[in-house]
Amino acid sequence: MVVVPISHLHETDVDALRGFLTDVDLTVAGLDEPAVHLWVERDEHGEIVGSTGIELSADGRHALVRSVAVAPGHRGSGRGARLAEHALAEAAARGATRAWLFSRRSGPFWQGLGFSRAECSELAASLPDTQQVRLFARTGRLDHEVAWSRPLSAGG
């Protein structure tokens, strides 16, 4: 199965990504916001088979990693780690020194990439204007989420 390299998501493809993320049960809030940077992998038919993204804090020091997903038929090949590392490298290249994310189900995956459990309140204080923080705070879900964090270096 041929997969096209990771590419920046075109604004005309936001609906396709929204459908992909809905299918894999991830948050779709704010995908079309200018502060959200998204990348996808596609198969030879142009279908999205993986995604990743970041949203930076106002001061640029913190990055919220989001929308890291791999289609079920493509899992287990290291694709998720490659997509996550792409987002981390992009965040570091843009000046972020710490990465954060929410994940209730994929803790071992993120720990394998150097993430440690963090307090949701600390994530929210570092990234108060991000789409997920605002959504989770507004809906009362913030205290039910699981936060993760890791420092970033110039190489990601």
Protein backbone atom coordinates (compact mmCIF):
# COMPACT_ATOMS: atom_id res chain seq x y z
CA MET A 1 0.00 0.00 0.00
CA VAL A 2 1.53 3.31 -1.11
CA VAL A 3 1.37 6.29 1.24
CA VAL A 4 2.13 9.83 0.14
CA PRO A 5 4.56 11.70 2.45
CA ILE A 6 3.26 13.98 5.21
CA SER A 7 1.93 17.23 3.77
CA HIS A 8 0.37 20.40 5.14
CA LEU A 9 -3.44 20.22 5.13
CA HIS A 10 -5.06 22.45 2.54
CA GLU A 11 -8.01 24.48 3.81
CA THR A 12 -10.22 22.81 1.22
CA ASP A 13 -9.55 19.46 2.94
CA VAL A 14 -10.71 20.41 6.44
CA ASP A 15 -14.03 18.60 6.00
CA ALA A 16 -12.24 15.40 4.93
CA LEU A 17 -9.99 15.62 7.99
CA ARG A 18 -13.00 16.32 10.22
CA GLY A 19 -14.63 13.12 8.94
CA PHE A 20 -11.41 11.13 9.45
CA LEU A 21 -10.96 12.38 13.03
CA THR A 22 -14.63 11.76 13.83
CA ASP A 23 -14.22 8.17 12.61
CA VAL A 24 -11.26 7.63 14.97
CA ASP A 25 -13.03 9.42 17.86
CA LEU A 26 -10.81 12.50 18.21
CA THR A 27 -11.77 16.11 18.90
CA VAL A 28 -12.53 18.16 15.80
CA ALA A 29 -12.93 21.58 17.43
CA GLY A 30 -11.24 24.45 15.65
CA LEU A 31 -9.66 22.54 12.79
CA ASP A 32 -10.19 25.52 10.50
CA GLU A 33 -8.73 28.10 12.91
CA PRO A 34 -5.61 29.91 11.65
CA ALA A 35 -3.65 29.06 14.82
CA VAL A 36 -4.11 25.31 14.22
CA HIS A 37 -1.44 23.78 11.98
CA LEU A 38 -2.35 20.38 10.52
CA TRP A 39 -0.60 17.76 8.39
CA VAL A 40 -1.88 14.58 6.81
CA GLU A 41 -0.70 11.41 5.15
CA ARG A 42 -2.71 10.03 2.25
CA ASP A 43 -2.86 6.72 0.47
CA GLU A 44 -2.45 6.29 -3.28
CA HIS A 45 -6.14 7.18 -3.75
CA GLY A 46 -5.81 10.49 -1.92
CA GLU A 47 -7.65 9.27 1.19
CA ILE A 48 -6.36 10.51 4.54
CA VAL A 49 -4.73 7.64 6.46
CA GLY A 50 -2.95 9.70 9.13
CA SER A 51 -2.97 13.14 10.67
CA THR A 52 -1.12 15.32 13.13
CA GLY A 53 -1.21 18.92 14.28
CA ILE A 54 -0.15 21.61 16.70
CA GLU A 55 -1.56 24.78 18.15
CA LEU A 56 0.87 27.26 19.71
CA SER A 57 0.40 29.43 22.78
CA ALA A 58 0.20 33.20 22.30
CA ASP A 59 3.85 33.58 23.33
CA GLY A 60 4.93 30.65 21.14
CA ARG A 61 6.68 28.80 23.98
CA HIS A 62 4.10 26.03 24.34
CA ALA A 63 2.57 23.73 21.73
CA LEU A 64 -0.57 21.66 22.04
CA VAL A 65 -0.14 18.50 19.98
CA ARG A 66 -3.45 17.43 18.54
CA SER A 67 -5.17 15.31 15.94
CA VAL A 68 -2.52 12.56 15.90
CA ALA A 69 -4.36 9.64 14.35
CA VAL A 70 -3.78 6.69 12.06
CA ALA A 71 -6.47 4.83 10.12
CA PRO A 72 -7.10 1.35 11.57
CA GLY A 73 -5.71 -0.49 8.54
CA HIS A 74 -2.42 1.43 8.79
CA ARG A 75 -1.68 1.03 12.50
CA GLY A 76 1.28 -0.87 13.91
CA SER A 77 3.78 0.31 11.32
CA GLY A 78 5.33 3.23 13.24
CA ARG A 79 3.20 5.73 11.34
CA GLY A 80 1.72 7.23 14.54
CA ALA A 81 5.15 7.85 16.03
CA ARG A 82 6.35 9.41 12.77
CA LEU A 83 3.31 11.72 12.67
CA ALA A 84 3.76 12.69 16.32
CA GLU A 85 7.47 13.38 15.81
CA HIS A 86 6.59 15.53 12.79
CA ALA A 87 4.33 17.68 14.97
CA LEU A 88 7.01 17.94 17.68
CA ALA A 89 9.65 18.97 15.15
CA GLU A 90 7.31 21.59 13.67
CA ALA A 91 6.57 22.96 17.14
CA ALA A 92 10.28 23.19 18.01
CA ALA A 93 11.06 24.81 14.65
CA ARG A 94 8.46 27.46 15.44
CA GLY A 95 10.13 28.20 18.79
CA ALA A 96 8.13 26.09 21.25
CA THR A 97 10.09 24.69 24.18
CA ARG A 98 7.38 22.46 25.67
CA ALA A 99 4.78 20.19 24.10
CA TRP A 100 1.47 19.28 25.73
CA LEU A 101 -1.47 17.10 24.80
CA PHE A 102 -4.65 15.50 26.06
CA SER A 103 -5.00 11.73 25.84
CA ARG A 104 -7.11 9.44 28.00
CA ARG A 105 -6.44 6.28 25.98
CA SER A 106 -2.92 6.43 24.56
CA GLY A 107 -0.68 7.03 27.55
CA PRO A 108 1.82 4.25 26.79
CA PHE A 109 2.23 5.53 23.22
CA TRP A 110 2.99 9.06 24.43
CA GLN A 111 5.27 7.84 27.21
CA GLY A 112 7.27 6.04 24.53
CA LEU A 113 7.81 9.43 22.91
CA GLY A 114 9.10 10.98 26.14
CA PHE A 115 5.87 12.44 27.53
CA SER A 116 5.00 12.37 31.24
CA ARG A 117 1.64 12.85 32.96
CA ALA A 118 0.90 16.47 33.72
CA GLU A 119 -1.80 18.43 35.49
CA CYS A 120 -4.66 19.57 33.27
CA SER A 121 -4.65 22.88 35.11
CA GLU A 122 -0.99 23.41 34.17
CA LEU A 123 -1.73 22.63 30.51
CA ALA A 124 -4.72 25.00 30.58
CA ALA A 125 -2.62 27.77 32.15
CA SER A 126 0.08 27.35 29.49
CA LEU A 127 -2.34 27.14 26.54
CA PRO A 128 -5.53 28.96 27.64
CA ASP A 129 -6.54 30.14 24.18
CA THR A 130 -6.28 26.83 22.35
CA GLN A 131 -9.39 25.27 20.89
CA GLN A 132 -9.32 22.11 23.02
CA VAL A 133 -8.69 23.92 26.30
CA ARG A 134 -11.53 26.34 25.61
CA LEU A 135 -13.86 23.51 24.55
CA PHE A 136 -13.03 21.29 27.54
CA ALA A 137 -13.35 24.21 29.99
CA ARG A 138 -16.68 25.32 28.47
CA THR A 139 -18.16 21.80 28.56
CA GLY A 140 -16.82 20.88 32.00
CA ARG A 141 -14.61 18.13 30.57
CA LEU A 142 -11.26 19.67 31.53
CA ASP A 143 -11.14 17.91 34.91
CA HIS A 144 -11.91 14.57 33.24
CA GLU A 145 -9.11 14.73 30.68
CA VAL A 146 -5.57 13.35 31.05
CA ALA A 147 -2.73 15.73 30.22
CA TRP A 148 0.79 14.88 29.05
CA SER A 149 3.87 17.04 28.55
CA ARG A 150 7.51 16.94 27.51
CA PRO A 151 10.25 19.45 26.83
CA LEU A 152 11.25 20.16 23.25
CA SER A 153 14.71 20.66 21.88
CA ALA A 154 15.72 22.38 18.67
CA GLY A 155 15.43 19.03 16.90
CA GLY A 156 11.92 18.26 18.22
